[in-house]
């Protein structure tokens, strides 16, 4: 059985690195688009939360693991602005 591939399209791009030349948007770059595909759903490292109050006998230990989506950037779209010439 094959896995279903989920494609994503990011239309709000904030930063582009083009061979060492970095372009920043204010707040986003106009016309910038990047496509990506979802690889897996993973969990991060466990974070322990320990609460204690002195001399009261109060102690609580709790843990948490954040879920993350691992993606792979597939492609980018070429953009040419009138005042900023760059490639995504």
PDB file of N, CA and C in Angstrom:
ATOM      1  N   UNK A   1       0.827  -1.174   0.000  1.00  0.00           N
ATOM      2  CA  UNK A   1       0.000   0.000   0.000  1.00  0.00           C
ATOM      3  C   UNK A   1       0.882   1.252   0.000  1.00  0.00           C
ATOM      4  N   UNK A   2       0.610   2.177  -0.906  1.00  0.00           N
ATOM      5  CA  UNK A   2       1.404   3.389  -1.010  1.00  0.00           C
ATOM      6  C   UNK A   2       0.880   4.463  -0.069  1.00  0.00           C
ATOM      7  N   UNK A   3       1.819   5.288   0.418  1.00  0.00           N
ATOM      8  CA  UNK A   3       1.426   6.409   1.255  1.00  0.00           C
ATOM      9  C   UNK A   3       0.867   7.515   0.379  1.00  0.00           C
ATOM     10  N   UNK A   4      -0.106   8.202   0.903  1.00  0.00           N
ATOM     11  CA  UNK A   4      -0.672   9.344   0.201  1.00  0.00           C
ATOM     12  C   UNK A   4       0.243  10.544   0.419  1.00  0.00           C
ATOM     13  N   UNK A   5       0.685  11.161  -0.673  1.00  0.00           N
ATOM     14  CA  UNK A   5       1.579  12.307  -0.591  1.00  0.00           C
ATOM     15  C   UNK A   5       0.745  13.578  -0.506  1.00  0.00           C
ATOM     16  N   UNK A   6       1.017  14.370   0.507  1.00  0.00           N
ATOM     17  CA  UNK A   6       0.301  15.626   0.701  1.00  0.00           C
ATOM     18  C   UNK A   6       1.214  16.764   0.260  1.00  0.00           C
ATOM     19  N   UNK A   7       0.719  17.587  -0.657  1.00  0.00           N
ATOM     20  CA  UNK A   7       1.474  18.736  -1.164  1.00  0.00           C
ATOM     21  C   UNK A   7       0.996  20.009  -0.478  1.00  0.00           C
ATOM     22  N   UNK A   8       1.930  20.886  -0.169  1.00  0.00           N
ATOM     23  CA  UNK A   8       1.624  22.167   0.458  1.00  0.00           C
ATOM     24  C   UNK A   8       2.118  23.297  -0.434  1.00  0.00           C
ATOM     25  N   UNK A   9       1.452  24.439  -0.368  1.00  0.00           N
ATOM     26  CA  UNK A   9       1.871  25.626  -1.095  1.00  0.00           C
ATOM     27  C   UNK A   9       1.939  26.774  -0.098  1.00  0.00           C
ATOM     28  N   UNK A  10       3.149  27.316   0.092  1.00  0.00           N
ATOM     29  CA  UNK A  10       3.349  28.467   0.970  1.00  0.00           C
ATOM     30  C   UNK A  10       3.358  29.713   0.102  1.00  0.00           C
ATOM     31  N   UNK A  11       2.368  30.572   0.298  1.00  0.00           N
ATOM     32  CA  UNK A  11       2.259  31.778  -0.517  1.00  0.00           C
ATOM     33  C   UNK A  11       2.817  33.013   0.185  1.00  0.00           C
ATOM     34  N   UNK A  12       2.993  32.951   1.480  1.00  0.00           N
ATOM     35  CA  UNK A  12       3.568  34.066   2.221  1.00  0.00           C
ATOM     36  C   UNK A  12       5.015  33.723   2.573  1.00  0.00           C
ATOM     37  N   UNK A  13       5.941  34.247   1.778  1.00  0.00           N
ATOM     38  CA  UNK A  13       7.366  33.987   1.963  1.00  0.00           C
ATOM     39  C   UNK A  13       7.982  35.227   2.601  1.00  0.00           C
ATOM     40  N   UNK A  14       8.736  35.032   3.694  1.00  0.00           N
ATOM     41  CA  UNK A  14       9.314  36.147   4.421  1.00  0.00           C
ATOM     42  C   UNK A  14      10.769  36.388   4.067  1.00  0.00           C
ATOM     43  N   UNK A  15      11.502  35.346   3.658  1.00  0.00           N
ATOM     44  CA  UNK A  15      12.931  35.479   3.417  1.00  0.00           C
ATOM     45  C   UNK A  15      13.342  34.548   2.286  1.00  0.00           C
ATOM     46  N   UNK A  16      14.253  35.033   1.436  1.00  0.00           N
ATOM     47  CA  UNK A  16      14.781  34.219   0.351  1.00  0.00           C
ATOM     48  C   UNK A  16      16.291  34.344   0.359  1.00  0.00           C
ATOM     49  N   UNK A  17      16.991  33.201   0.260  1.00  0.00           N
ATOM     50  CA  UNK A  17      18.443  33.184   0.154  1.00  0.00           C
ATOM     51  C   UNK A  17      18.791  32.711  -1.249  1.00  0.00           C
ATOM     52  N   UNK A  18      19.352  33.587  -2.054  1.00  0.00           N
ATOM     53  CA  UNK A  18      19.705  33.272  -3.434  1.00  0.00           C
ATOM     54  C   UNK A  18      21.222  33.337  -3.573  1.00  0.00           C
ATOM     55  N   UNK A  19      21.892  32.208  -3.352  1.00  0.00           N
ATOM     56  CA  UNK A  19      23.355  32.102  -3.440  1.00  0.00           C
ATOM     57  C   UNK A  19      24.063  33.148  -2.585  1.00  0.00           C
ATOM     58  N   UNK A  20      23.634  33.278  -1.337  1.00  0.00           N
ATOM     59  CA  UNK A  20      24.265  34.208  -0.411  1.00  0.00           C
ATOM     60  C   UNK A  20      23.622  35.580  -0.368  1.00  0.00           C
ATOM     61  N   UNK A  21      22.801  35.915  -1.346  1.00  0.00           N
ATOM     62  CA  UNK A  21      22.097  37.207  -1.333  1.00  0.00           C
ATOM     63  C   UNK A  21      20.742  36.985  -0.668  1.00  0.00           C
ATOM     64  N   UNK A  22      20.537  37.661   0.465  1.00  0.00           N
ATOM     65  CA  UNK A  22      19.328  37.468   1.242  1.00  0.00           C
ATOM     66  C   UNK A  22      18.373  38.620   0.963  1.00  0.00           C
ATOM     67  N   UNK A  23      17.119  38.274   0.647  1.00  0.00           N
ATOM     68  CA  UNK A  23      16.072  39.265   0.437  1.00  0.00           C
ATOM     69  C   UNK A  23      15.014  39.079   1.507  1.00  0.00           C
ATOM     70  N   UNK A  24      14.664  40.170   2.183  1.00  0.00           N
ATOM     71  CA  UNK A  24      13.661  40.161   3.238  1.00  0.00           C
ATOM     72  C   UNK A  24      12.419  40.891   2.760  1.00  0.00           C
ATOM     73  N   UNK A  25      11.269  40.377   3.145  1.00  0.00           N
ATOM     74  CA  UNK A  25      10.024  41.059   2.851  1.00  0.00           C
ATOM     75  C   UNK A  25       9.598  41.913   4.029  1.00  0.00           C
ATOM     76  N   UNK A  26       8.731  42.857   3.779  1.00  0.00           N
ATOM     77  CA  UNK A  26       8.243  43.729   4.850  1.00  0.00           C
ATOM     78  C   UNK A  26       6.735  43.711   4.862  1.00  0.00           C
ATOM     79  N   UNK A  27       6.033  42.808   5.462  1.00  0.00           N
ATOM     80  CA  UNK A  27       6.485  41.610   6.171  1.00  0.00           C
ATOM     81  C   UNK A  27       6.701  40.408   5.255  1.00  0.00           C
ATOM     82  N   UNK A  28       6.097  40.395   4.044  1.00  0.00           N
ATOM     83  CA  UNK A  28       6.296  39.260   3.140  1.00  0.00           C
ATOM     84  C   UNK A  28       6.768  39.759   1.784  1.00  0.00           C
ATOM     85  N   UNK A  29       7.343  38.832   1.002  1.00  0.00           N
ATOM     86  CA  UNK A  29       7.750  39.146  -0.360  1.00  0.00           C
ATOM     87  C   UNK A  29       6.559  38.984  -1.282  1.00  0.00           C
ATOM     88  N   UNK A  30       6.336  39.956  -2.135  1.00  0.00           N
ATOM     89  CA  UNK A  30       5.182  39.903  -3.021  1.00  0.00           C
ATOM     90  C   UNK A  30       5.420  38.875  -4.119  1.00  0.00           C
ATOM     91  N   UNK A  31       4.458  37.976  -4.313  1.00  0.00           N
ATOM     92  CA  UNK A  31       4.543  36.967  -5.354  1.00  0.00           C
ATOM     93  C   UNK A  31       5.390  35.764  -5.015  1.00  0.00           C
ATOM     94  N   UNK A  32       5.934  35.688  -3.824  1.00  0.00           N
ATOM     95  CA  UNK A  32       6.769  34.555  -3.443  1.00  0.00           C
ATOM     96  C   UNK A  32       5.934  33.327  -3.129  1.00  0.00           C
ATOM     97  N   UNK A  33       6.282  32.197  -3.737  1.00  0.00           N
ATOM     98  CA  UNK A  33       5.581  30.940  -3.485  1.00  0.00           C
ATOM     99  C   UNK A  33       6.598  29.813  -3.403  1.00  0.00           C
ATOM    100  N   UNK A  34       6.352  28.881  -2.486  1.00  0.00           N
ATOM    101  CA  UNK A  34       7.211  27.707  -2.312  1.00  0.00           C
ATOM    102  C   UNK A  34       6.319  26.498  -2.139  1.00  0.00           C
ATOM    103  N   UNK A  35       6.633  25.395  -2.846  1.00  0.00           N
ATOM    104  CA  UNK A  35       5.880  24.157  -2.695  1.00  0.00           C
ATOM    105  C   UNK A  35       6.679  23.176  -1.835  1.00  0.00           C
ATOM    106  N   UNK A  36       5.946  22.351  -1.085  1.00  0.00           N
ATOM    107  CA  UNK A  36       6.573  21.375  -0.203  1.00  0.00           C
ATOM    108  C   UNK A  36       5.681  20.151  -0.120  1.00  0.00           C
ATOM    109  N   UNK A  37       6.251  19.046   0.355  1.00  0.00           N
ATOM    110  CA  UNK A  37       5.472  17.832   0.577  1.00  0.00           C
ATOM    111  C   UNK A  37       5.714  17.345   2.004  1.00  0.00           C
ATOM    112  N   UNK A  38       4.677  16.767   2.598  1.00  0.00           N
ATOM    113  CA  UNK A  38       4.738  16.287   3.975  1.00  0.00           C
ATOM    114  C   UNK A  38       5.416  14.920   3.988  1.00  0.00           C
ATOM    115  N   UNK A  39       6.446  14.775   4.839  1.00  0.00           N
ATOM    116  CA  UNK A  39       7.151  13.497   4.958  1.00  0.00           C
ATOM    117  C   UNK A  39       6.527  12.637   6.063  1.00  0.00           C
ATOM    118  N   UNK A  40       6.547  13.127   7.294  1.00  0.00           N
ATOM    119  CA  UNK A  40       6.024  12.356   8.427  1.00  0.00           C
ATOM    120  C   UNK A  40       5.497  13.292   9.504  1.00  0.00           C
ATOM    121  N   UNK A  41       4.775  12.701  10.438  1.00  0.00           N
ATOM    122  CA  UNK A  41       4.380  13.371  11.666  1.00  0.00           C
ATOM    123  C   UNK A  41       5.265  12.799  12.763  1.00  0.00           C
ATOM    124  N   UNK A  42       6.013  13.643  13.456  1.00  0.00           N
ATOM    125  CA  UNK A  42       6.948  13.180  14.481  1.00  0.00           C
ATOM    126  C   UNK A  42       6.674  13.911  15.791  1.00  0.00           C
ATOM    127  N   UNK A  43       7.217  13.353  16.877  1.00  0.00           N
ATOM    128  CA  UNK A  43       7.136  13.996  18.180  1.00  0.00           C
ATOM    129  C   UNK A  43       8.524  14.473  18.567  1.00  0.00           C
ATOM    130  N   UNK A  44       8.579  15.623  19.212  1.00  0.00           N
ATOM    131  CA  UNK A  44       9.840  16.187  19.669  1.00  0.00           C
ATOM    132  C   UNK A  44      10.313  15.525  20.945  1.00  0.00           C
ATOM    133  N   UNK A  45      11.394  16.063  21.493  1.00  0.00           N
ATOM    134  CA  UNK A  45      11.934  15.547  22.746  1.00  0.00           C
ATOM    135  C   UNK A  45      10.980  15.858  23.891  1.00  0.00           C
ATOM    136  N   UNK A  46      11.041  15.027  24.917  1.00  0.00           N
ATOM    137  CA  UNK A  46      10.170  15.211  26.062  1.00  0.00           C
ATOM    138  C   UNK A  46      10.686  16.365  26.926  1.00  0.00           C
ATOM    139  N   UNK A  47       9.768  17.235  27.299  1.00  0.00           N
ATOM    140  CA  UNK A  47      10.072  18.350  28.179  1.00  0.00           C
ATOM    141  C   UNK A  47       9.425  18.057  29.523  1.00  0.00           C
ATOM    142  N   UNK A  48      10.236  18.051  30.571  1.00  0.00           N
ATOM    143  CA  UNK A  48       9.725  17.788  31.910  1.00  0.00           C
ATOM    144  C   UNK A  48       9.396  19.096  32.605  1.00  0.00           C
ATOM    145  N   UNK A  49       8.240  19.127  33.241  1.00  0.00           N
ATOM    146  CA  UNK A  49       7.805  20.289  34.013  1.00  0.00           C
ATOM    147  C   UNK A  49       7.719  19.832  35.464  1.00  0.00           C
ATOM    148  N   UNK A  50       8.503  20.465  36.324  1.00  0.00           N
ATOM    149  CA  UNK A  50       8.528  20.091  37.739  1.00  0.00           C
ATOM    150  C   UNK A  50       8.177  21.311  38.569  1.00  0.00           C
ATOM    151  N   UNK A  51       7.134  21.193  39.375  1.00  0.00           N
ATOM    152  CA  UNK A  51       6.686  22.291  40.242  1.00  0.00           C
ATOM    153  C   UNK A  51       6.866  21.867  41.687  1.00  0.00           C
ATOM    154  N   UNK A  52       7.342  22.805  42.502  1.00  0.00           N
ATOM    155  CA  UNK A  52       7.553  22.495  43.918  1.00  0.00           C
ATOM    156  C   UNK A  52       7.388  23.762  44.737  1.00  0.00           C
ATOM    157  N   UNK A  53       6.786  23.617  45.885  1.00  0.00           N
ATOM    158  CA  UNK A  53       6.700  24.707  46.850  1.00  0.00           C
ATOM    159  C   UNK A  53       7.452  24.268  48.095  1.00  0.00           C
ATOM    160  N   UNK A  54       8.358  25.103  48.527  1.00  0.00           N
ATOM    161  CA  UNK A  54       9.201  24.746  49.670  1.00  0.00           C
ATOM    162  C   UNK A  54       8.396  24.535  50.950  1.00  0.00           C
ATOM    163  N   UNK A  55       8.805  23.534  51.678  1.00  0.00           N
ATOM    164  CA  UNK A  55       8.281  23.248  53.032  1.00  0.00           C
ATOM    165  C   UNK A  55       6.773  23.040  53.069  1.00  0.00           C
ATOM    166  N   UNK A  56       6.143  22.748  51.963  1.00  0.00           N
ATOM    167  CA  UNK A  56       4.694  22.551  51.947  1.00  0.00           C
ATOM    168  C   UNK A  56       4.321  21.125  51.544  1.00  0.00           C
ATOM    169  N   UNK A  57       5.298  20.347  51.081  1.00  0.00           N
ATOM    170  CA  UNK A  57       5.012  18.989  50.644  1.00  0.00           C
ATOM    171  C   UNK A  57       4.340  18.940  49.280  1.00  0.00           C
ATOM    172  N   UNK A  58       4.437  20.032  48.519  1.00  0.00           N
ATOM    173  CA  UNK A  58       3.789  20.107  47.208  1.00  0.00           C
ATOM    174  C   UNK A  58       4.826  19.869  46.120  1.00  0.00           C
ATOM    175  N   UNK A  59       4.667  18.768  45.373  1.00  0.00           N
ATOM    176  CA  UNK A  59       5.550  18.470  44.243  1.00  0.00           C
ATOM    177  C   UNK A  59       4.691  17.910  43.107  1.00  0.00           C
ATOM    178  N   UNK A  60       4.901  18.386  41.908  1.00  0.00           N
ATOM    179  CA  UNK A  60       4.211  17.871  40.724  1.00  0.00           C
ATOM    180  C   UNK A  60       5.217  17.703  39.603  1.00  0.00           C
ATOM    181  N   UNK A  61       5.184  16.559  38.960  1.00  0.00           N
ATOM    182  CA  UNK A  61       6.055  16.297  37.822  1.00  0.00           C
ATOM    183  C   UNK A  61       5.162  15.960  36.635  1.00  0.00           C
ATOM    184  N   UNK A  62       5.372  16.653  35.527  1.00  0.00           N
ATOM    185  CA  UNK A  62       4.558  16.465  34.344  1.00  0.00           C
ATOM    186  C   UNK A  62       5.471  16.483  33.120  1.00  0.00           C
ATOM    187  N   UNK A  63       5.066  15.808  32.071  1.00  0.00           N
ATOM    188  CA  UNK A  63       5.857  15.785  30.848  1.00  0.00           C
ATOM    189  C   UNK A  63       5.020  16.164  29.647  1.00  0.00           C
ATOM    190  N   UNK A  64       5.716  16.580  28.589  1.00  0.00           N
ATOM    191  CA  UNK A  64       5.018  17.007  27.381  1.00  0.00           C
ATOM    192  C   UNK A  64       5.901  16.729  26.174  1.00  0.00           C
ATOM    193  N   UNK A  65       5.293  16.203  25.095  1.00  0.00           N
ATOM    194  CA  UNK A  65       5.996  16.006  23.818  1.00  0.00           C
ATOM    195  C   UNK A  65       5.211  16.703  22.727  1.00  0.00           C
ATOM    196  N   UNK A  66       5.830  17.700  22.095  1.00  0.00           N
ATOM    197  CA  UNK A  66       5.186  18.480  21.037  1.00  0.00           C
ATOM    198  C   UNK A  66       5.182  17.692  19.735  1.00  0.00           C
ATOM    199  N   UNK A  67       4.082  17.731  19.013  1.00  0.00           N
ATOM    200  CA  UNK A  67       3.990  17.081  17.711  1.00  0.00           C
ATOM    201  C   UNK A  67       4.457  18.044  16.623  1.00  0.00           C
ATOM    202  N   UNK A  68       5.206  17.519  15.648  1.00  0.00           N
ATOM    203  CA  UNK A  68       5.726  18.299  14.546  1.00  0.00           C
ATOM    204  C   UNK A  68       5.396  17.624  13.224  1.00  0.00           C
ATOM    205  N   UNK A  69       5.286  18.400  12.166  1.00  0.00           N
ATOM    206  CA  UNK A  69       5.130  17.884  10.818  1.00  0.00           C
ATOM    207  C   UNK A  69       6.440  18.100  10.083  1.00  0.00           C
ATOM    208  N   UNK A  70       7.047  17.019   9.610  1.00  0.00           N
ATOM    209  CA  UNK A  70       8.313  17.103   8.901  1.00  0.00           C
ATOM    210  C   UNK A  70       8.014  17.257   7.417  1.00  0.00           C
ATOM    211  N   UNK A  71       8.524  18.351   6.797  1.00  0.00           N
ATOM    212  CA  UNK A  71       8.245  18.615   5.390  1.00  0.00           C
ATOM    213  C   UNK A  71       9.542  18.669   4.601  1.00  0.00           C
ATOM    214  N   UNK A  72       9.413  18.523   3.283  1.00  0.00           N
ATOM    215  CA  UNK A  72      10.542  18.646   2.368  1.00  0.00           C
ATOM    216  C   UNK A  72      10.171  19.692   1.319  1.00  0.00           C
ATOM    217  N   UNK A  73      11.052  20.681   1.143  1.00  0.00           N
ATOM    218  CA  UNK A  73      10.808  21.728   0.160  1.00  0.00           C
ATOM    219  C   UNK A  73      11.067  21.137  -1.221  1.00  0.00           C
ATOM    220  N   UNK A  74      10.025  21.134  -2.068  1.00  0.00           N
ATOM    221  CA  UNK A  74      10.130  20.533  -3.399  1.00  0.00           C
ATOM    222  C   UNK A  74      10.607  21.529  -4.445  1.00  0.00           C
ATOM    223  N   UNK A  75       9.940  22.646  -4.531  1.00  0.00           N
ATOM    224  CA  UNK A  75      10.283  23.585  -5.589  1.00  0.00           C
ATOM    225  C   UNK A  75       9.963  25.000  -5.195  1.00  0.00           C
ATOM    226  N   UNK A  76      10.414  25.903  -6.030  1.00  0.00           N
ATOM    227  CA  UNK A  76      10.136  27.310  -5.824  1.00  0.00           C
ATOM    228  C   UNK A  76       9.756  27.911  -7.162  1.00  0.00           C
ATOM    229  N   UNK A  77       9.200  29.072  -7.108  1.00  0.00           N
ATOM    230  CA  UNK A  77       8.728  29.740  -8.309  1.00  0.00           C
ATOM    231  C   UNK A  77       9.567  30.988  -8.532  1.00  0.00           C
ATOM    232  N   UNK A  78       9.949  31.226  -9.794  1.00  0.00           N
ATOM    233  CA  UNK A  78      10.759  32.407 -10.097  1.00  0.00           C
ATOM    234  C   UNK A  78       9.908  33.666 -10.020  1.00  0.00           C
ATOM    235  N   UNK A  79      10.522  34.683  -9.420  1.00  0.00           N
ATOM    236  CA  UNK A  79       9.826  35.953  -9.231  1.00  0.00           C
ATOM    237  C   UNK A  79      10.746  37.075  -9.697  1.00  0.00           C
ATOM    238  N   UNK A  80      10.213  38.023 -10.434  1.00  0.00           N
ATOM    239  CA  UNK A  80      10.984  39.208 -10.802  1.00  0.00           C
ATOM    240  C   UNK A  80      10.130  40.428 -10.485  1.00  0.00           C
ATOM    241  N   UNK A  81      10.620  41.255  -9.558  1.00  0.00           N
ATOM    242  CA  UNK A  81       9.949  42.494  -9.206  1.00  0.00           C
ATOM    243  C   UNK A  81      10.602  43.653  -9.946  1.00  0.00           C
ATOM    244  N   UNK A  82       9.915  44.768 -10.059  1.00  0.00           N
ATOM    245  CA  UNK A  82      10.466  45.900 -10.782  1.00  0.00           C
ATOM    246  C   UNK A  82      11.632  46.537 -10.030  1.00  0.00           C
ATOM    247  N   UNK A  83      11.598  46.544  -8.686  1.00  0.00           N
ATOM    248  CA  UNK A  83      12.662  47.171  -7.932  1.00  0.00           C
ATOM    249  C   UNK A  83      13.610  46.159  -7.291  1.00  0.00           C
ATOM    250  N   UNK A  84      13.197  44.909  -7.142  1.00  0.00           N
ATOM    251  CA  UNK A  84      14.066  43.862  -6.601  1.00  0.00           C
ATOM    252  C   UNK A  84      14.070  42.696  -7.577  1.00  0.00           C
ATOM    253  N   UNK A  85      15.229  42.395  -8.131  1.00  0.00           N
ATOM    254  CA  UNK A  85      15.338  41.267  -9.043  1.00  0.00           C
ATOM    255  C   UNK A  85      15.965  40.104  -8.272  1.00  0.00           C
ATOM    256  N   UNK A  86      15.249  39.014  -8.126  1.00  0.00           N
ATOM    257  CA  UNK A  86      15.774  37.864  -7.395  1.00  0.00           C
ATOM    258  C   UNK A  86      15.047  36.614  -7.821  1.00  0.00           C
ATOM    259  N   UNK A  87      15.612  35.491  -7.482  1.00  0.00           N
ATOM    260  CA  UNK A  87      15.025  34.187  -7.736  1.00  0.00           C
ATOM    261  C   UNK A  87      14.719  33.532  -6.409  1.00  0.00           C
ATOM    262  N   UNK A  88      13.596  32.847  -6.339  1.00  0.00           N
ATOM    263  CA  UNK A  88      13.302  32.087  -5.133  1.00  0.00           C
ATOM    264  C   UNK A  88      13.995  30.758  -5.267  1.00  0.00           C
TER     265      UNK A  88
END
